[in-house]
């Protein structure tokens, strides 16, 4: 190509290459990279980003990888493209190139000498071409950079999701292996829940999703700025917790301990409350190297037991259980490396009078074991066989109402509806004959040192013993004086005997305390028959 036209083309190419390589390319690159970085992250470190709306009522900031990372990536890509377009069309095309095409200086807009004006016109096409070439080259570079960025964002997102899945799966697997199923201990609720409400130790805000998830894999950041551990194995269970259904406080660590629900069933004045008090005292009085360590789960549980013991010491009796549904008395039982959170339910005797009131005892659906308090003196057939003097003794002992057979029938009739027939058959039943101190003063009702089950059948409760053998595959019988195990000067041996019923149920859940129980005493009754099992010999019987 020759002549003036060729010279103009070469001039335009040369000017464009110079503008592109020595000015426009670096200017666009600096602007694009700066814009890409400038829009990343929150405006103020440690505060929520206004581009990410809050999720529900959870007082936690969403994890960077769950939303803000993607918002940042999109914003960064748009910002780079936008700044290149604005600078090219604005400063370069609308200002610099336009002025030069009209023979004016690009910086000031003044024309000056005619030779200068001619020079501006001659280099104007090359300047515009260089600006366009620089913008295109930088756009190509930024496309490559952002493709790599999006690839990294995707990998980080996948890694974060995988990490959340692994951490949450590990928590869930650990709970399944240890058979941890959290349930509310309060009346009117008793509902199960997969995750408790955790309170922030800084501001007290309620976190309902404190687990690996969209708010963080290892920890969540509260609205107050405090980091809260979100993994059970890392210390989450040390926080204050509440039931997600009724918002009432729960014992700390409820998510790392298996809960064992034990209901103490019996008629009014059957001695079940004193039996529970004796069992709690016996658990705390455990001595020896292999004895489990027992502690109260909450301050309320400690206060309830102290009040109960005060009644027993001052009056020798306890007031009748009040309320329609009981709050569980919660104890922590630790044996070696295994721990259990024990829920003891003591419903009032009137709650087992009829089907409707029994059906409202919803905690029975979660029961891992039942302690049946049997007041032999309340059975009509037994009472008819007593002499006038023995009748006076029985009346002074305040026989329960209703009797053990009626209470048992109402309880087992609704247990199938609440827990299911198959689960009821696997449920361990501890039958505890109460008021032994009075029974031992009546000749024909004196409890033998062995064979409590057959003895119950011979004194008139044969239907009860037979039905227990038919309905419950695992059962065991005890006889004790809860009166002698509580109050002033309690007999430790009676307290430990009361605790044996609870320990036996705990042993059925995998807590290795079976060696603490007497070798004898286990009664496995075949269906429809009353064999002659062995019971542990009774010692230190009260004479009261």
Protein backbone atom coordinates (compact mmCIF):
# COMPACT_ATOMS: atom_id res chain seq x y z
CA UNK A 1 0.00 0.00 0.00
CA UNK A 2 1.56 3.33 -1.09
CA UNK A 3 0.81 6.97 -1.35
CA UNK A 4 -0.83 9.23 1.21
CA UNK A 5 -3.48 6.64 2.04
CA UNK A 6 -0.88 4.04 2.89
CA UNK A 7 1.05 6.50 5.01
CA UNK A 8 -2.16 7.37 6.88
CA UNK A 9 -2.85 3.70 7.55
CA UNK A 10 0.66 3.07 8.83
CA UNK A 11 0.46 6.17 10.97
CA UNK A 12 -2.86 5.03 12.42
CA UNK A 13 -1.53 1.53 13.19
CA UNK A 14 1.64 2.88 14.74
CA UNK A 15 -0.21 5.40 16.90
CA UNK A 16 -2.81 2.81 17.89
CA UNK A 17 -0.15 0.27 18.90
CA UNK A 18 1.66 2.88 20.95
CA UNK A 19 -1.51 4.07 22.67
CA UNK A 20 -2.64 0.52 23.32
CA UNK A 21 0.65 -0.89 24.63
CA UNK A 22 1.93 2.12 26.54
CA UNK A 23 -1.25 3.72 27.84
CA UNK A 24 -4.70 2.28 27.24
CA UNK A 25 -4.00 -1.39 28.07
CA UNK A 26 -2.42 -0.64 31.45
CA UNK A 27 -5.02 1.97 32.29
CA UNK A 28 -7.93 -0.40 31.56
CA UNK A 29 -6.20 -3.29 33.36
CA UNK A 30 -5.58 -1.23 36.50
CA UNK A 31 -9.15 0.06 36.48
CA UNK A 32 -10.64 -3.42 35.94
CA UNK A 33 -8.54 -5.12 38.60
CA UNK A 34 -9.19 -2.30 41.07
CA UNK A 35 -12.93 -2.41 40.47
CA UNK A 36 -12.97 -6.21 40.80
CA UNK A 37 -11.24 -6.08 44.17
CA UNK A 38 -12.93 -2.97 45.54
CA UNK A 39 -16.43 -4.48 45.55
CA UNK A 40 -15.42 -7.60 47.50
CA UNK A 41 -16.57 -8.17 51.08
CA UNK A 42 -18.70 -6.08 53.42
CA UNK A 43 -18.37 -2.33 53.51
CA UNK A 44 -17.36 -2.43 57.18
CA UNK A 45 -15.44 -5.50 58.40
CA UNK A 46 -17.37 -7.58 60.96
CA UNK A 47 -20.78 -6.23 59.96
CA UNK A 48 -23.45 -7.82 57.74
CA UNK A 49 -23.25 -6.96 54.07
CA UNK A 50 -26.30 -4.97 52.87
CA UNK A 51 -26.35 -6.96 49.62
CA UNK A 52 -27.27 -10.14 51.55
CA UNK A 53 -30.70 -9.99 53.21
CA UNK A 54 -31.10 -11.69 56.63
CA UNK A 55 -32.60 -15.19 56.78
CA UNK A 56 -35.70 -15.40 58.95
CA UNK A 57 -35.23 -14.56 62.62
CA UNK A 58 -31.88 -16.33 63.04
CA UNK A 59 -29.51 -13.84 64.71
CA UNK A 60 -26.48 -15.03 62.76
CA UNK A 61 -24.63 -13.82 59.69
CA UNK A 62 -24.63 -16.14 56.72
CA UNK A 63 -21.31 -17.79 56.03
CA UNK A 64 -19.25 -16.10 53.33
CA UNK A 65 -19.25 -19.16 51.10
CA UNK A 66 -23.00 -19.71 51.33
CA UNK A 67 -24.11 -16.45 49.71
CA UNK A 68 -21.73 -13.50 49.92
CA UNK A 69 -18.99 -15.31 47.99
CA UNK A 70 -21.30 -15.73 45.01
CA UNK A 71 -22.57 -12.16 45.32
CA UNK A 72 -18.97 -10.93 45.42
CA UNK A 73 -18.05 -12.97 42.35
CA UNK A 74 -21.00 -11.64 40.36
CA UNK A 75 -20.42 -8.09 41.55
CA UNK A 76 -16.71 -8.32 40.72
CA UNK A 77 -17.38 -9.55 37.18
CA UNK A 78 -20.00 -6.89 36.55
CA UNK A 79 -17.79 -4.17 38.03
CA UNK A 80 -14.84 -5.07 35.78
CA UNK A 81 -16.98 -5.10 32.64
CA UNK A 82 -18.74 -1.89 33.64
CA UNK A 83 -15.59 0.11 34.36
CA UNK A 84 -13.99 -0.89 31.04
CA UNK A 85 -17.13 0.10 29.14
CA UNK A 86 -17.53 3.41 30.96
CA UNK A 87 -13.89 4.41 30.54
CA UNK A 88 -13.81 3.47 26.85
CA UNK A 89 -17.07 5.18 25.89
CA UNK A 90 -16.64 8.05 28.27
CA UNK A 91 -13.14 9.36 28.63
CA UNK A 92 -11.55 7.83 25.54
CA UNK A 93 -14.30 8.07 22.94
CA UNK A 94 -16.54 10.88 24.11
CA UNK A 95 -13.72 13.16 25.28
CA UNK A 96 -10.23 12.33 24.01
CA UNK A 97 -11.01 10.99 20.54
CA UNK A 98 -13.78 13.52 19.91
CA UNK A 99 -11.56 16.47 20.74
CA UNK A 100 -8.69 15.16 18.65
CA UNK A 101 -10.93 14.62 15.62
CA UNK A 102 -11.92 18.27 15.85
CA UNK A 103 -8.29 19.41 16.16
CA UNK A 104 -8.31 20.25 19.84
CA UNK A 105 -6.02 19.19 22.64
CA UNK A 106 -7.38 16.03 24.34
CA UNK A 107 -6.65 17.28 27.85
CA UNK A 108 -7.76 20.93 27.68
CA UNK A 109 -9.95 21.09 24.58
CA UNK A 110 -8.14 24.13 23.11
CA UNK A 111 -7.14 24.16 19.46
CA UNK A 112 -3.88 26.20 19.36
CA UNK A 113 -1.70 26.60 16.18
CA UNK A 114 -2.97 25.14 12.92
CA UNK A 115 -0.06 22.72 12.75
CA UNK A 116 -0.96 21.36 16.20
CA UNK A 117 -4.60 21.06 15.13
CA UNK A 118 -3.52 19.15 12.04
CA UNK A 119 -1.40 16.82 14.17
CA UNK A 120 -4.31 16.06 16.49
CA UNK A 121 -6.53 15.19 13.53
CA UNK A 122 -3.89 12.91 11.99
CA UNK A 123 -3.31 10.88 15.18
CA UNK A 124 -6.99 10.84 16.25
CA UNK A 125 -7.88 7.59 14.39
CA UNK A 126 -4.86 5.79 15.85
CA UNK A 127 -5.72 7.01 19.33
CA UNK A 128 -9.28 5.74 19.05
CA UNK A 129 -8.05 2.46 17.60
CA UNK A 130 -5.50 2.05 20.40
CA UNK A 131 -8.14 2.69 23.05
CA UNK A 132 -10.48 0.13 21.52
CA UNK A 133 -7.67 -2.43 21.17
CA UNK A 134 -6.59 -1.86 24.78
CA UNK A 135 -10.17 -2.31 26.03
CA UNK A 136 -10.54 -5.55 24.04
CA UNK A 137 -7.23 -6.96 25.24
CA UNK A 138 -8.02 -6.13 28.86
CA UNK A 139 -11.49 -7.63 28.44
CA UNK A 140 -9.93 -10.87 27.21
CA UNK A 141 -7.49 -10.90 30.14
CA UNK A 142 -10.31 -10.23 32.63
CA UNK A 143 -12.41 -13.00 31.09
CA UNK A 144 -9.57 -15.44 31.75
CA UNK A 145 -9.05 -14.08 35.28
CA UNK A 146 -12.75 -14.31 36.12
CA UNK A 147 -13.06 -17.77 34.63
CA UNK A 148 -10.32 -18.90 37.01
CA UNK A 149 -12.02 -16.99 39.82
CA UNK A 150 -15.38 -18.67 39.16
CA UNK A 151 -13.66 -22.04 39.01
CA UNK A 152 -12.09 -21.39 42.41
CA UNK A 153 -15.40 -20.10 43.77
CA UNK A 154 -17.10 -23.27 42.61
CA UNK A 155 -14.42 -25.45 44.17
CA UNK A 156 -14.60 -23.54 47.45
CA UNK A 157 -18.38 -23.79 47.43
CA UNK A 158 -18.27 -27.54 46.79
CA UNK A 159 -15.62 -28.00 49.47
CA UNK A 160 -17.68 -25.99 51.95
CA UNK A 161 -20.86 -27.93 51.18
CA UNK A 162 -18.95 -31.18 51.46
CA UNK A 163 -17.45 -30.04 54.76
CA UNK A 164 -20.88 -29.13 56.09
CA UNK A 165 -22.25 -32.49 54.98
CA UNK A 166 -19.37 -34.33 56.66
CA UNK A 167 -19.61 -32.37 59.91
CA UNK A 168 -23.38 -32.62 60.09
CA UNK A 169 -23.24 -36.27 59.14
CA UNK A 170 -20.63 -36.92 61.83
CA UNK A 171 -22.84 -35.24 64.43
CA UNK A 172 -25.85 -37.20 63.25
CA UNK A 173 -23.94 -40.49 63.07
CA UNK A 174 -22.56 -39.95 66.56
CA UNK A 175 -26.06 -39.33 67.88
CA UNK A 176 -27.39 -42.44 66.15
CA UNK A 177 -24.56 -44.64 67.39
CA UNK A 178 -25.04 -43.39 70.94
CA UNK A 179 -28.82 -43.49 70.46
CA UNK A 180 -29.24 -39.87 71.46
CA UNK A 181 -32.80 -38.69 70.93
CA UNK A 182 -33.55 -35.39 72.59
CA UNK A 183 -36.98 -34.88 74.13
CA UNK A 184 -38.49 -32.16 76.27
CA UNK A 185 -38.94 -33.04 79.98
CA UNK A 186 -41.70 -30.48 80.64
CA UNK A 187 -45.44 -31.18 81.00
CA UNK A 188 -47.55 -30.08 78.11
CA UNK A 189 -44.66 -30.60 75.70
CA UNK A 190 -42.69 -33.89 75.95
CA UNK A 191 -41.96 -33.46 72.25
CA UNK A 192 -38.83 -34.75 70.51
CA UNK A 193 -36.55 -32.38 68.63
CA UNK A 194 -33.42 -32.88 66.51
CA UNK A 195 -31.71 -29.66 67.62
CA UNK A 196 -32.10 -27.53 70.73
CA UNK A 197 -32.15 -23.74 70.80
CA UNK A 198 -28.73 -22.43 71.87
CA UNK A 199 -28.20 -19.10 73.58
CA UNK A 200 -25.31 -16.84 72.62
CA UNK A 201 -23.02 -16.47 75.67
CA UNK A 202 -22.41 -12.86 74.69
CA UNK A 203 -25.83 -11.29 74.10
CA UNK A 204 -28.19 -14.17 74.92
CA UNK A 205 -29.76 -14.32 71.46
CA UNK A 206 -31.55 -17.58 70.61
CA UNK A 207 -29.91 -19.54 67.78
CA UNK A 208 -32.24 -22.19 66.38
CA UNK A 209 -29.90 -23.43 63.63
CA UNK A 210 -26.61 -23.77 65.50
CA UNK A 211 -25.16 -26.60 63.43
CA UNK A 212 -22.99 -26.87 60.32
CA UNK A 213 -24.94 -25.18 57.55
CA UNK A 214 -25.49 -21.95 55.68
CA UNK A 215 -24.50 -19.86 58.68
CA UNK A 216 -21.13 -21.56 59.00
CA UNK A 217 -19.49 -24.97 59.06
CA UNK A 218 -17.42 -24.81 62.26
CA UNK A 219 -18.89 -21.75 63.92
CA UNK A 220 -21.59 -19.12 63.47
CA UNK A 221 -21.10 -15.39 63.92
CA UNK A 222 -23.82 -13.92 66.11
CA UNK A 223 -25.37 -10.54 65.37
CA UNK A 224 -23.34 -9.21 68.30
CA UNK A 225 -20.14 -10.28 66.50
CA UNK A 226 -19.30 -13.23 68.75
CA UNK A 227 -18.23 -16.55 67.26
CA UNK A 228 -20.23 -19.54 68.51
CA UNK A 229 -19.10 -23.12 67.97
CA UNK A 230 -21.56 -24.99 65.76
CA UNK A 231 -20.21 -28.54 66.08
CA UNK A 232 -21.21 -30.81 68.95
CA UNK A 233 -17.77 -32.39 69.31
CA UNK A 234 -16.13 -28.94 69.45
CA UNK A 235 -18.06 -27.70 72.49
CA UNK A 236 -21.47 -26.58 71.25
CA UNK A 237 -23.21 -28.59 73.98
CA UNK A 238 -21.65 -26.46 76.70
CA UNK A 239 -23.95 -23.56 75.77
CA UNK A 240 -27.24 -22.80 77.49
CA UNK A 241 -30.05 -24.57 75.63
CA UNK A 242 -33.84 -24.45 75.42
CA UNK A 243 -36.61 -26.58 73.99
CA UNK A 244 -37.48 -25.34 70.47
CA UNK A 245 -41.18 -26.03 71.09
CA UNK A 246 -41.89 -24.56 74.54
CA UNK A 247 -38.76 -22.35 74.96
CA UNK A 248 -38.10 -23.68 78.47
CA UNK A 249 -34.53 -24.27 79.66
CA UNK A 250 -32.89 -27.66 79.22
CA UNK A 251 -29.81 -29.12 80.90
CA UNK A 252 -26.54 -28.23 79.22
CA UNK A 253 -25.03 -31.10 77.28
CA UNK A 254 -28.37 -32.63 76.38
CA UNK A 255 -27.12 -33.23 72.85
CA UNK A 256 -24.16 -35.43 73.82
CA UNK A 257 -25.81 -37.76 76.34
CA UNK A 258 -28.33 -40.51 75.77
CA UNK A 259 -31.61 -39.79 77.54
CA UNK A 260 -33.20 -42.62 79.52
CA UNK A 261 -36.87 -42.11 80.36
CA UNK A 262 -38.12 -43.99 83.42
CA UNK A 263 -41.70 -43.63 84.65
CA UNK A 264 -42.59 -44.49 88.25
CA UNK A 265 -46.17 -45.77 88.09
CA UNK A 266 -48.49 -46.42 91.01
CA UNK A 267 -51.78 -45.49 92.58
CA UNK A 268 -52.31 -42.64 95.01
CA UNK A 269 -50.44 -43.31 98.28
CA UNK A 270 -48.71 -46.35 96.82
CA UNK A 271 -45.36 -44.95 97.97
CA UNK A 272 -44.02 -44.17 94.49
CA UNK A 273 -42.84 -40.66 95.38
CA UNK A 274 -41.00 -41.96 98.45
CA UNK A 275 -39.67 -44.78 96.27
CA UNK A 276 -38.29 -42.26 93.77
CA UNK A 277 -36.75 -40.22 96.61
CA UNK A 278 -35.16 -43.39 97.99
CA UNK A 279 -33.84 -44.34 94.55
CA UNK A 280 -32.29 -40.90 94.05
CA UNK A 281 -30.70 -41.09 97.50
CA UNK A 282 -29.44 -44.60 96.76
CA UNK A 283 -27.89 -43.48 93.48
CA UNK A 284 -26.07 -40.66 95.25
CA UNK A 285 -25.02 -42.97 98.08
CA UNK A 286 -23.30 -45.41 95.73
CA UNK A 287 -19.85 -46.23 97.03
CA UNK A 288 -16.99 -48.28 95.71
CA UNK A 289 -14.70 -48.09 92.75
CA UNK A 290 -17.29 -49.26 90.24
CA UNK A 291 -20.20 -47.12 91.50
CA UNK A 292 -21.57 -44.63 88.98
CA UNK A 293 -21.27 -40.92 89.59
CA UNK A 294 -24.60 -39.16 89.92
CA UNK A 295 -25.32 -35.43 89.79
CA UNK A 296 -28.35 -33.21 89.31
CA UNK A 297 -28.79 -31.98 85.75
CA UNK A 298 -30.13 -28.55 86.75
CA UNK A 299 -30.45 -26.37 89.84
CA UNK A 300 -34.23 -26.92 89.73
CA UNK A 301 -33.74 -30.68 90.10
CA UNK A 302 -31.50 -30.17 93.12
CA UNK A 303 -34.04 -27.82 94.70
CA UNK A 304 -36.93 -30.25 94.10
CA UNK A 305 -35.05 -33.11 95.77
CA UNK A 306 -34.02 -30.91 98.71
CA UNK A 307 -37.64 -29.85 99.22
CA UNK A 308 -38.78 -33.47 99.00
CA UNK A 309 -36.22 -34.63 101.55
CA UNK A 310 -37.21 -31.78 103.87
CA UNK A 311 -40.82 -32.97 103.82
CA UNK A 312 -39.73 -36.50 104.60
CA UNK A 313 -37.52 -35.45 107.50
CA UNK A 314 -40.10 -33.10 109.02
CA UNK A 315 -43.29 -35.11 108.55
CA UNK A 316 -42.15 -38.60 107.61
CA UNK A 317 -44.44 -38.45 104.59
CA UNK A 318 -44.69 -36.43 101.41
CA UNK A 319 -47.58 -34.42 100.11
CA UNK A 320 -49.65 -35.99 97.40
CA UNK A 321 -48.24 -35.45 93.91
CA UNK A 322 -50.02 -32.53 92.27
CA UNK A 323 -50.55 -31.55 88.66
CA UNK A 324 -51.83 -33.41 85.65
CA UNK A 325 -48.48 -34.15 83.99
CA UNK A 326 -45.14 -34.41 85.79
CA UNK A 327 -41.94 -32.57 85.04
CA UNK A 328 -39.10 -35.05 84.72
CA UNK A 329 -36.54 -35.11 87.51
CA UNK A 330 -33.24 -35.08 85.63
CA UNK A 331 -30.05 -36.75 86.83
CA UNK A 332 -26.70 -37.30 85.15
CA UNK A 333 -25.36 -40.79 85.65
CA UNK A 334 -21.75 -41.43 84.62
CA UNK A 335 -20.09 -44.83 84.73
CA UNK A 336 -16.57 -44.97 83.37
CA UNK A 337 -16.77 -43.30 79.98
CA UNK A 338 -20.48 -43.75 79.44
CA UNK A 339 -23.03 -41.20 80.47
CA UNK A 340 -26.80 -41.12 80.67
CA UNK A 341 -29.22 -38.29 81.26
CA UNK A 342 -31.92 -39.88 83.39
CA UNK A 343 -35.49 -38.56 83.23
CA UNK A 344 -37.58 -39.77 86.20
CA UNK A 345 -41.32 -39.16 85.90
CA UNK A 346 -43.54 -39.25 88.99
CA UNK A 347 -47.16 -38.77 87.84
CA UNK A 348 -49.90 -38.34 90.39
CA UNK A 349 -51.90 -41.49 91.08
CA UNK A 350 -55.13 -39.91 89.82
CA UNK A 351 -53.62 -39.67 86.35
CA UNK A 352 -54.04 -43.46 86.04
CA UNK A 353 -57.66 -43.59 87.12
CA UNK A 354 -59.11 -43.76 83.63
CA UNK A 355 -58.16 -44.09 79.99
CA UNK A 356 -58.35 -40.39 79.11
CA UNK A 357 -56.05 -39.19 81.90
CA UNK A 358 -53.60 -42.03 81.23
CA UNK A 359 -53.49 -41.18 77.55
CA UNK A 360 -52.41 -37.65 78.41
CA UNK A 361 -49.21 -39.05 79.94
CA UNK A 362 -47.41 -38.60 76.63
CA UNK A 363 -43.96 -39.22 78.09
CA UNK A 364 -44.85 -42.93 78.22
CA UNK A 365 -44.35 -43.00 74.45
CA UNK A 366 -40.62 -42.37 75.04
CA UNK A 367 -40.22 -44.60 78.10
CA UNK A 368 -37.11 -46.79 78.25
CA UNK A 369 -38.31 -48.51 81.39
CA UNK A 370 -41.11 -48.49 83.95
CA UNK A 371 -41.02 -48.90 87.71
CA UNK A 372 -44.34 -50.22 88.99
CA UNK A 373 -44.94 -49.46 92.69
CA UNK A 374 -47.12 -52.24 94.06
CA UNK A 375 -49.00 -51.64 97.33
CA UNK A 376 -50.11 -55.12 98.32
CA UNK A 377 -52.25 -53.71 101.13
CA UNK A 378 -54.49 -51.96 98.58
CA UNK A 379 -55.61 -55.17 96.88
CA UNK A 380 -59.22 -56.10 97.90
CA UNK A 381 -58.52 -59.83 98.03
CA UNK A 382 -55.54 -59.31 100.31
CA UNK A 383 -57.55 -57.02 102.60
CA UNK A 384 -60.33 -59.58 102.96
CA UNK A 385 -57.85 -62.12 104.31
CA UNK A 386 -56.65 -59.86 107.13
CA UNK A 387 -57.75 -60.03 110.75
CA UNK A 388 -59.15 -57.00 112.55
CA UNK A 389 -55.79 -56.15 114.08
CA UNK A 390 -54.00 -56.60 110.76
CA UNK A 391 -56.66 -54.47 109.09
CA UNK A 392 -55.82 -51.66 111.49
CA UNK A 393 -52.16 -51.91 110.50
CA UNK A 394 -53.08 -51.87 106.81
CA UNK A 395 -55.38 -48.85 107.24
CA UNK A 396 -52.68 -46.95 109.12
CA UNK A 397 -50.32 -47.49 106.16
CA UNK A 398 -52.68 -45.51 103.88
CA UNK A 399 -53.34 -48.10 101.15
CA UNK A 400 -53.24 -46.78 97.61
CA UNK A 401 -56.27 -45.97 95.52
CA UNK A 402 -56.78 -47.61 93.10
CA UNK A 403 -55.21 -50.98 93.86
CA UNK A 404 -52.17 -52.38 92.03
CA UNK A 405 -54.16 -54.59 89.65
CA UNK A 406 -56.47 -51.78 88.52
CA UNK A 407 -53.55 -49.35 88.17
CA UNK A 408 -51.62 -51.91 86.14
CA UNK A 409 -54.56 -52.63 83.84
CA UNK A 410 -55.15 -48.96 83.06
CA UNK A 411 -51.46 -48.32 82.53
CA UNK A 412 -50.77 -51.30 80.24
CA UNK A 413 -53.96 -50.75 78.28
CA UNK A 414 -52.83 -47.32 77.17
CA UNK A 415 -49.13 -48.13 76.97
CA UNK A 416 -49.74 -50.09 73.77
CA UNK A 417 -51.48 -47.08 72.22
CA UNK A 418 -48.70 -44.68 73.26
CA UNK A 419 -45.60 -46.81 72.67
CA UNK A 420 -46.84 -49.60 70.38
CA UNK A 421 -47.19 -53.30 71.10
CA UNK A 422 -43.72 -54.30 69.94
CA UNK A 423 -42.00 -51.59 71.97
CA UNK A 424 -44.11 -52.39 75.01
CA UNK A 425 -42.98 -56.01 74.85
CA UNK A 426 -39.30 -54.93 74.89
CA UNK A 427 -39.84 -52.43 77.70
CA UNK A 428 -38.16 -53.50 80.97
CA UNK A 429 -40.55 -53.50 83.92
CA UNK A 430 -39.23 -53.20 87.47
CA UNK A 431 -41.92 -54.30 89.94
CA UNK A 432 -41.23 -52.88 93.40
CA UNK A 433 -43.36 -53.98 96.34
CA UNK A 434 -43.53 -51.01 98.71
CA UNK A 435 -44.36 -50.68 102.43
CA UNK A 436 -42.36 -53.76 103.33
CA UNK A 437 -41.98 -52.47 106.87
CA UNK A 438 -45.75 -52.92 107.33
CA UNK A 439 -45.95 -56.19 105.41
CA UNK A 440 -43.33 -57.77 107.64
CA UNK A 441 -45.56 -57.04 110.66
CA UNK A 442 -48.39 -59.12 109.17
CA UNK A 443 -47.57 -62.81 109.45
CA UNK A 444 -49.15 -64.06 106.22
CA UNK A 445 -47.81 -61.10 104.24
CA UNK A 446 -44.23 -61.31 105.45
CA UNK A 447 -42.00 -60.96 102.38
CA UNK A 448 -39.67 -63.94 101.95
CA UNK A 449 -35.95 -63.36 101.38
CA UNK A 450 -36.28 -64.80 97.83
CA UNK A 451 -39.01 -65.20 95.25
CA UNK A 452 -40.92 -61.91 95.43
CA UNK A 453 -42.80 -62.72 92.22
CA UNK A 454 -44.17 -66.11 93.38
CA UNK A 455 -44.91 -64.59 96.78
CA UNK A 456 -47.12 -61.95 95.12
CA UNK A 457 -49.04 -64.73 93.39
CA UNK A 458 -49.61 -66.64 96.63
CA UNK A 459 -50.92 -63.66 98.61
CA UNK A 460 -53.64 -62.88 96.06
CA UNK A 461 -52.01 -61.00 93.17
CA UNK A 462 -51.67 -64.01 90.89
CA UNK A 463 -53.50 -62.24 87.98
CA UNK A 464 -51.00 -59.37 88.17
CA UNK A 465 -47.97 -61.66 88.15
CA UNK A 466 -49.34 -63.76 85.30
CA UNK A 467 -50.20 -60.75 83.15
CA UNK A 468 -46.76 -59.24 83.73
CA UNK A 469 -45.22 -62.50 82.55
CA UNK A 470 -47.45 -62.41 79.48
CA UNK A 471 -46.92 -58.76 78.45
CA UNK A 472 -43.32 -57.98 79.43
CA UNK A 473 -40.38 -60.07 78.26
CA UNK A 474 -37.98 -58.39 80.69
CA UNK A 475 -39.06 -57.91 84.29
CA UNK A 476 -37.65 -58.04 87.76
CA UNK A 477 -39.12 -57.89 91.27
CA UNK A 478 -38.02 -56.07 94.42
CA UNK A 479 -39.50 -55.52 97.85
CA UNK A 480 -38.42 -52.68 100.13
CA UNK A 481 -39.52 -50.10 102.64
CA UNK A 482 -39.34 -46.64 101.11
CA UNK A 483 -40.27 -45.28 104.54
CA UNK A 484 -37.12 -46.79 106.03
CA UNK A 485 -35.03 -45.51 103.11
CA UNK A 486 -36.05 -41.85 103.51
CA UNK A 487 -36.53 -39.25 106.21
CA UNK A 488 -34.45 -39.05 109.38
CA UNK A 489 -31.92 -41.84 109.85
CA UNK A 490 -32.53 -43.66 106.56
CA UNK A 491 -31.18 -47.13 105.99
CA UNK A 492 -28.55 -47.01 103.25
CA UNK A 493 -29.19 -50.64 102.37
CA UNK A 494 -32.84 -49.84 101.59
CA UNK A 495 -31.81 -46.81 99.56
CA UNK A 496 -29.43 -48.94 97.51
CA UNK A 497 -32.16 -51.54 97.00
CA UNK A 498 -34.42 -48.78 95.68
CA UNK A 499 -31.62 -47.61 93.38
CA UNK A 500 -31.20 -51.16 92.04
CA UNK A 501 -34.44 -50.86 90.08
CA UNK A 502 -33.14 -47.74 88.32
CA UNK A 503 -29.68 -49.21 87.76
CA UNK A 504 -31.23 -52.33 86.29
CA UNK A 505 -33.11 -50.24 83.72
CA UNK A 506 -29.98 -48.21 83.00
CA UNK A 507 -28.06 -51.45 82.45
CA UNK A 508 -30.61 -52.35 79.77
CA UNK A 509 -29.60 -49.19 77.87
CA UNK A 510 -25.93 -50.15 77.68
CA UNK A 511 -24.63 -48.53 80.85
CA UNK A 512 -22.44 -51.25 82.31
CA UNK A 513 -23.71 -51.21 85.87
CA UNK A 514 -25.09 -54.74 85.87
CA UNK A 515 -22.19 -55.94 88.06
CA UNK A 516 -23.41 -53.61 90.78
CA UNK A 517 -26.68 -55.53 91.05
CA UNK A 518 -27.04 -58.64 93.22
CA UNK A 519 -26.39 -61.93 91.47
CA UNK A 520 -29.79 -63.18 92.44
CA UNK A 521 -33.11 -61.49 92.05
CA UNK A 522 -33.66 -61.66 88.34
CA UNK A 523 -37.04 -63.08 87.48
CA UNK A 524 -37.74 -64.04 83.90
CA UNK A 525 -41.29 -65.32 84.03
CA UNK A 526 -42.40 -67.54 81.12
CA UNK A 527 -45.71 -66.60 79.63
CA UNK A 528 -48.66 -68.10 81.46
CA UNK A 529 -46.68 -69.63 84.33
CA UNK A 530 -45.19 -68.64 87.65
CA UNK A 531 -41.78 -70.31 88.10
CA UNK A 532 -39.58 -70.08 91.15
CA UNK A 533 -36.89 -67.50 90.38
CA UNK A 534 -34.26 -66.27 92.78
CA UNK A 535 -34.32 -62.93 94.53
CA UNK A 536 -31.57 -61.16 96.41
CA UNK A 537 -31.93 -61.68 100.16
CA UNK A 538 -33.43 -58.73 101.97
CA UNK A 539 -31.26 -57.16 104.62
CA UNK A 540 -31.73 -54.44 107.23
CA UNK A 541 -35.51 -54.48 106.98
CA UNK A 542 -37.22 -51.68 108.83
CA UNK A 543 -39.48 -52.50 111.76
CA UNK A 544 -41.64 -49.47 111.22
